[in-house]
Amino acid sequence: MDSPPSLITRVEGILLPGYLLYLAIKHFLLTMLTALLFTPIKLLTSFAVLRETAFANFWIELIATRPRTTDPTDPLLSLLTQTSGVVLELGPGSGTQIARLANASVTQIYGAEPAAALHPQITSAAVAAGVGDKYHLLACGAEPESLLPALQGAGLLPSSKVPEAKGVFDTIVCCTVLCSVPRQRETLHTLYGLLKPGGRILVWEHVVNPWRTPRGWALARFAQMLYMRVGCWPFFMGGCDLERDTGRVLREIAKSDGGWGSWEEEGFNDHGVLSFLRAVGVKSGGEET
């Protein structure tokens, strides 16, 4: 059993989101100031686009300073190497995970990213990973009204409806994206329908702190509420919600279909504000891909 984190580690886990919020606010103010000085009309006509650009710039800076690991026991790396077949990557961001997805058993990767400012980085990352011919960028979000028409346009769906039984993807990757989709349950229900029987959903998401369990911390849960309500976290952080119980929703959306064929989940950083869920779900009704 892992030893409990030290008090210093716990305090760092509460303060780290404050630093991230500072970076996001900095890029928001810089983006708005630039628009005010050079294209002031955009503050009225394209505020949502400017806000999206500010978040994209924040994300690029954050990823550039984040150390990359090649440790095969790393929980995220070991998760992403389980991809196979036709893959849907939701919210690839600046493309930092593409190289981890690109193994020999992957035939095609479709990346759904609504932030146009990040598309050049994604394309470059796919080429650098040697999958430029396999990676197909979709200018859409994960929500059904955005994702399904994009999949139809890519020739993966005959119409903008979820296929009844066959599914489309062998693997669906959700890496720090389900925290920001507008209607999470509806989106996950759609993703479940897009997954082939025997296909896998790979999840790495920060979730509500499990403060009622021995691994969680009530003070971190309180800090989550403060960041959400006082710090305006969703506004500056691309709509991110720190308080979602994503694991519970994922388990529930498969119940009407008899449940997942297999389901594994584990929590990480449960003492912090950014508590993470690592999960692998295999859809029942087919051979595991």
Protein backbone atom coordinates (compact mmCIF):
# COMPACT_ATOMS: atom_id res chain seq x y z
CA MET A 1 0.00 0.00 0.00
CA ASP A 2 1.33 3.46 -0.91
CA SER A 3 2.36 5.67 2.00
CA PRO A 4 0.18 8.76 2.51
CA PRO A 5 1.52 11.98 0.97
CA SER A 6 3.36 14.46 3.16
CA LEU A 7 1.77 17.71 4.25
CA ILE A 8 4.03 19.61 1.83
CA THR A 9 2.84 17.44 -1.05
CA ARG A 10 -0.77 18.00 -0.04
CA VAL A 11 -0.32 21.78 0.11
CA GLU A 12 1.39 21.76 -3.29
CA GLY A 13 -1.60 19.85 -4.66
CA ILE A 14 -3.89 22.67 -3.50
CA LEU A 15 -1.68 25.51 -4.76
CA LEU A 16 -0.75 24.10 -8.19
CA PRO A 17 -4.15 24.90 -9.78
CA GLY A 18 -3.68 28.49 -8.61
CA TYR A 19 -0.51 28.73 -10.67
CA LEU A 20 -2.28 27.22 -13.68
CA LEU A 21 -5.11 29.72 -13.25
CA TYR A 22 -2.56 32.55 -13.14
CA LEU A 23 -1.07 31.40 -16.48
CA ALA A 24 -4.52 31.12 -18.07
CA ILE A 25 -5.55 34.60 -16.87
CA LYS A 26 -2.25 36.02 -18.15
CA HIS A 27 -2.88 34.68 -21.65
CA PHE A 28 -6.50 35.83 -21.55
CA LEU A 29 -5.47 39.40 -20.68
CA LEU A 30 -2.68 39.42 -23.28
CA THR A 31 -5.04 38.16 -25.98
CA MET A 32 -7.71 40.72 -25.12
CA LEU A 33 -5.17 43.56 -24.94
CA THR A 34 -3.77 42.63 -28.34
CA ALA A 35 -7.28 42.64 -29.80
CA LEU A 36 -8.06 45.97 -28.16
CA LEU A 37 -4.95 47.58 -29.65
CA PHE A 38 -5.09 46.13 -33.17
CA THR A 39 -8.58 44.75 -33.89
CA PRO A 40 -10.97 46.17 -31.26
CA ILE A 41 -14.06 45.11 -33.21
CA LYS A 42 -13.21 41.48 -32.41
CA LEU A 43 -13.95 42.13 -28.74
CA LEU A 44 -17.57 42.51 -29.78
CA THR A 45 -17.84 40.17 -32.77
CA SER A 46 -15.41 37.34 -31.93
CA PHE A 47 -15.09 37.24 -28.14
CA ALA A 48 -15.58 33.45 -28.00
CA VAL A 49 -12.84 32.96 -30.59
CA LEU A 50 -10.48 35.24 -28.66
CA ARG A 51 -11.18 33.32 -25.47
CA GLU A 52 -10.48 30.05 -27.30
CA THR A 53 -7.22 31.48 -28.65
CA ALA A 54 -6.17 32.60 -25.17
CA PHE A 55 -6.74 29.12 -23.79
CA ALA A 56 -4.84 27.56 -26.71
CA ASN A 57 -1.86 29.83 -26.02
CA PHE A 58 -1.99 28.92 -22.34
CA TRP A 59 -2.04 25.21 -23.22
CA ILE A 60 0.92 25.52 -25.58
CA GLU A 61 3.00 27.24 -22.87
CA LEU A 62 1.97 24.68 -20.26
CA ILE A 63 2.86 21.68 -22.44
CA ALA A 64 6.19 23.22 -23.42
CA THR A 65 7.27 23.32 -19.76
CA ARG A 66 5.90 19.91 -18.80
CA PRO A 67 8.50 17.11 -18.63
CA ARG A 68 7.89 14.11 -20.90
CA THR A 69 8.38 10.60 -19.56
CA THR A 70 9.32 7.38 -21.32
CA ASP A 71 8.83 5.27 -18.20
CA PRO A 72 6.60 2.34 -19.29
CA THR A 73 5.11 2.19 -15.79
CA ASP A 74 3.86 5.79 -16.01
CA PRO A 75 0.04 5.53 -15.59
CA LEU A 76 -0.77 7.75 -18.58
CA LEU A 77 1.85 6.27 -20.90
CA SER A 78 0.85 2.69 -20.06
CA LEU A 79 -2.78 3.65 -20.73
CA LEU A 80 -2.24 5.24 -24.13
CA THR A 81 -0.14 2.37 -25.47
CA GLN A 82 -3.27 0.17 -25.35
CA THR A 83 -4.66 1.70 -28.55
CA SER A 84 -5.41 -0.45 -31.59
CA GLY A 85 -7.35 -0.41 -34.87
CA VAL A 86 -9.28 2.73 -35.75
CA VAL A 87 -8.79 5.30 -32.97
CA LEU A 88 -10.78 8.39 -31.98
CA GLU A 89 -8.73 10.85 -29.95
CA LEU A 90 -10.86 13.49 -28.28
CA GLY A 91 -9.26 16.87 -27.65
CA PRO A 92 -5.68 16.18 -28.79
CA GLY A 93 -4.74 19.72 -27.74
CA SER A 94 -1.31 20.46 -29.20
CA GLY A 95 -0.76 16.82 -30.18
CA THR A 96 1.57 15.84 -27.35
CA GLN A 97 0.07 12.36 -26.97
CA ILE A 98 0.07 11.37 -30.65
CA ALA A 99 3.47 9.66 -30.50
CA ARG A 100 2.20 7.54 -27.61
CA LEU A 101 -0.85 6.44 -29.58
CA ALA A 102 1.09 5.54 -32.71
CA ASN A 103 1.84 1.84 -32.32
CA ALA A 104 1.93 -0.86 -35.01
CA SER A 105 -1.60 -2.10 -34.27
CA VAL A 106 -3.18 1.31 -35.00
CA THR A 107 -4.53 1.67 -38.54
CA GLN A 108 -6.12 5.15 -38.46
CA ILE A 109 -6.41 7.97 -35.90
CA TYR A 110 -9.11 10.64 -35.96
CA GLY A 111 -8.45 13.65 -33.74
CA ALA A 112 -11.44 15.80 -32.73
CA GLU A 113 -10.16 19.25 -31.75
CA PRO A 114 -12.38 22.37 -31.85
CA ALA A 115 -9.57 24.88 -31.16
CA ALA A 116 -8.34 25.92 -34.60
CA ALA A 117 -5.33 27.67 -33.06
CA LEU A 118 -3.96 24.24 -32.06
CA HIS A 119 -4.38 22.53 -35.44
CA PRO A 120 -0.90 23.39 -36.79
CA GLN A 121 0.73 21.86 -33.70
CA ILE A 122 -1.38 18.71 -34.03
CA THR A 123 -0.48 18.27 -37.69
CA SER A 124 3.23 18.78 -36.96
CA ALA A 125 3.09 16.29 -34.07
CA ALA A 126 1.44 13.66 -36.27
CA VAL A 127 4.12 14.05 -38.94
CA ALA A 128 6.89 13.93 -36.32
CA ALA A 129 5.40 10.72 -34.89
CA GLY A 130 5.42 9.12 -38.34
CA VAL A 131 1.63 8.92 -38.64
CA GLY A 132 0.97 11.94 -40.82
CA ASP A 133 -0.78 9.70 -43.35
CA LYS A 134 -2.84 7.96 -40.65
CA TYR A 135 -3.89 10.98 -38.61
CA HIS A 136 -7.07 12.77 -39.67
CA LEU A 137 -7.87 16.07 -37.95
CA LEU A 138 -11.53 16.89 -37.34
CA ALA A 139 -12.48 20.49 -36.56
CA CYS A 140 -15.11 19.62 -33.96
CA GLY A 141 -15.73 19.06 -30.28
CA ALA A 142 -16.74 15.89 -28.44
CA GLU A 143 -20.40 16.87 -28.00
CA PRO A 144 -22.78 14.95 -30.33
CA GLU A 145 -24.03 17.96 -32.31
CA SER A 146 -20.43 18.76 -33.25
CA LEU A 147 -18.77 15.33 -33.43
CA LEU A 148 -21.38 13.34 -35.37
CA PRO A 149 -21.63 15.69 -38.39
CA ALA A 150 -17.82 15.78 -38.54
CA LEU A 151 -17.67 11.97 -38.57
CA GLN A 152 -20.29 11.94 -41.30
CA GLY A 153 -18.22 14.42 -43.31
CA ALA A 154 -15.19 12.16 -42.89
CA GLY A 155 -17.16 9.24 -44.34
CA LEU A 156 -17.29 7.29 -41.08
CA LEU A 157 -21.05 7.56 -40.59
CA PRO A 158 -23.84 7.35 -43.20
CA SER A 159 -25.71 10.08 -41.33
CA SER A 160 -25.24 12.27 -38.29
CA LYS A 161 -26.66 9.57 -36.02
CA VAL A 162 -25.00 7.04 -33.76
CA PRO A 163 -24.91 3.56 -35.36
CA GLU A 164 -27.29 1.12 -33.70
CA ALA A 165 -24.94 -1.79 -32.98
CA LYS A 166 -21.78 -1.98 -35.09
CA GLY A 167 -19.94 1.04 -33.78
CA VAL A 168 -17.12 2.79 -35.62
CA PHE A 169 -14.00 2.86 -33.45
CA ASP A 170 -11.83 0.15 -31.93
CA THR A 171 -10.39 2.60 -29.40
CA ILE A 172 -11.63 5.91 -28.02
CA VAL A 173 -9.14 8.04 -26.09
CA CYS A 174 -10.35 10.63 -23.57
CA CYS A 175 -7.41 12.50 -22.06
CA THR A 176 -8.33 15.58 -19.98
CA VAL A 177 -11.30 16.41 -22.20
CA LEU A 178 -14.42 15.03 -20.49
CA CYS A 179 -14.10 17.70 -17.80
CA SER A 180 -15.06 20.38 -20.32
CA VAL A 181 -17.74 18.86 -22.58
CA PRO A 182 -21.02 20.77 -22.08
CA ARG A 183 -23.29 17.77 -21.41
CA GLN A 184 -21.06 14.98 -20.22
CA ARG A 185 -23.61 12.18 -19.83
CA GLU A 186 -25.09 12.72 -23.29
CA THR A 187 -21.61 12.91 -24.81
CA LEU A 188 -20.48 9.69 -23.13
CA HIS A 189 -23.64 7.92 -24.23
CA THR A 190 -22.82 8.92 -27.82
CA LEU A 191 -19.21 7.78 -27.47
CA TYR A 192 -20.39 4.45 -26.11
CA GLY A 193 -22.50 3.99 -29.24
CA LEU A 194 -19.52 4.85 -31.46
CA LEU A 195 -17.39 2.16 -29.81
CA LYS A 196 -17.34 -1.22 -31.53
CA PRO A 197 -18.27 -4.32 -29.48
CA GLY A 198 -15.00 -5.46 -27.94
CA GLY A 199 -13.56 -1.95 -28.36
CA ARG A 200 -11.86 -0.01 -25.60
CA ILE A 201 -12.35 3.41 -24.10
CA LEU A 202 -9.19 4.75 -22.46
CA VAL A 203 -9.76 7.48 -19.87
CA TRP A 204 -7.37 9.86 -18.12
CA GLU A 205 -9.45 12.63 -16.57
CA HIS A 206 -9.28 14.84 -13.53
CA VAL A 207 -12.39 14.38 -11.40
CA VAL A 208 -14.03 15.41 -8.16
CA ASN A 209 -11.82 14.70 -5.16
CA PRO A 210 -12.87 11.45 -3.42
CA TRP A 211 -12.86 13.18 -0.06
CA ARG A 212 -15.25 10.69 1.54
CA THR A 213 -12.70 7.89 1.07
CA PRO A 214 -9.42 7.36 2.98
CA ARG A 215 -7.44 8.35 -0.15
CA GLY A 216 -9.17 11.70 -0.59
CA TRP A 217 -8.87 14.96 1.36
CA ALA A 218 -11.72 17.22 2.44
CA LEU A 219 -9.55 20.35 2.23
CA ALA A 220 -8.74 19.58 -1.42
CA ARG A 221 -12.45 19.14 -2.11
CA PHE A 222 -13.12 22.52 -0.51
CA ALA A 223 -10.37 24.06 -2.65
CA GLN A 224 -12.06 22.62 -5.76
CA MET A 225 -15.23 24.48 -4.84
CA LEU A 226 -13.29 27.70 -4.28
CA TYR A 227 -11.51 27.50 -7.64
CA MET A 228 -14.80 26.77 -9.39
CA ARG A 229 -16.89 29.49 -7.73
CA VAL A 230 -14.43 32.19 -6.68
CA GLY A 231 -11.56 31.69 -9.11
CA CYS A 232 -13.79 31.46 -12.20
CA TRP A 233 -11.90 28.30 -13.19
CA PRO A 234 -14.28 27.19 -15.99
CA PHE A 235 -14.21 30.60 -17.70
CA PHE A 236 -10.43 30.81 -17.96
CA MET A 237 -9.73 27.06 -18.31
CA GLY A 238 -11.69 26.20 -21.43
CA GLY A 239 -14.90 25.22 -19.64
CA CYS A 240 -13.16 22.70 -17.36
CA ASP A 241 -15.24 21.43 -14.42
CA LEU A 242 -13.24 20.17 -11.43
CA GLU A 243 -16.26 18.55 -9.76
CA ARG A 244 -17.37 15.83 -12.19
CA ASP A 245 -17.70 12.20 -11.11
CA THR A 246 -16.74 10.89 -14.54
CA GLY A 247 -16.12 7.32 -13.41
CA ARG A 248 -19.65 6.95 -12.07
CA VAL A 249 -21.18 8.33 -15.28
CA LEU A 250 -19.08 5.99 -17.42
CA ARG A 251 -20.20 2.98 -15.41
CA GLU A 252 -23.84 4.02 -15.59
CA ILE A 253 -24.08 4.68 -19.34
CA ALA A 254 -23.27 1.03 -20.10
CA LYS A 255 -25.90 -0.42 -17.74
CA SER A 256 -28.71 -0.39 -20.33
CA ASP A 257 -26.46 -2.53 -22.55
CA GLY A 258 -25.68 -5.05 -19.81
CA GLY A 259 -22.65 -3.18 -18.49
CA TRP A 260 -19.06 -3.07 -19.66
CA GLY A 261 -17.53 -6.38 -20.69
CA SER A 262 -14.67 -5.43 -18.40
CA TRP A 263 -13.98 -2.28 -16.43
CA GLU A 264 -10.85 -1.19 -14.55
CA GLU A 265 -10.33 2.13 -12.81
CA GLU A 266 -7.79 3.65 -10.46
CA GLY A 267 -7.39 7.04 -8.83
CA PHE A 268 -4.23 9.16 -8.84
CA ASN A 269 -3.34 12.29 -6.87
CA ASP A 270 -6.43 11.70 -4.75
CA HIS A 271 -5.13 14.13 -2.12
CA GLY A 272 -5.03 17.04 -4.57
CA VAL A 273 -7.36 19.43 -6.32
CA LEU A 274 -6.46 17.81 -9.65
CA SER A 275 -7.49 14.26 -8.75
CA PHE A 276 -7.18 11.92 -11.73
CA LEU A 277 -9.16 8.90 -12.90
CA ARG A 278 -7.41 6.26 -15.01
CA ALA A 279 -9.90 3.83 -16.52
CA VAL A 280 -10.14 1.18 -19.23
CA GLY A 281 -13.56 -0.02 -20.36
CA VAL A 282 -14.08 -2.85 -22.86
CA LYS A 283 -17.47 -2.89 -24.55
CA SER A 284 -19.32 -6.19 -24.28
CA GLY A 285 -20.62 -8.13 -27.25
CA GLY A 286 -17.43 -8.81 -29.16
CA GLU A 287 -13.82 -9.96 -29.02
CA GLU A 288 -11.52 -7.52 -27.24
CA THR A 289 -9.52 -5.47 -29.76
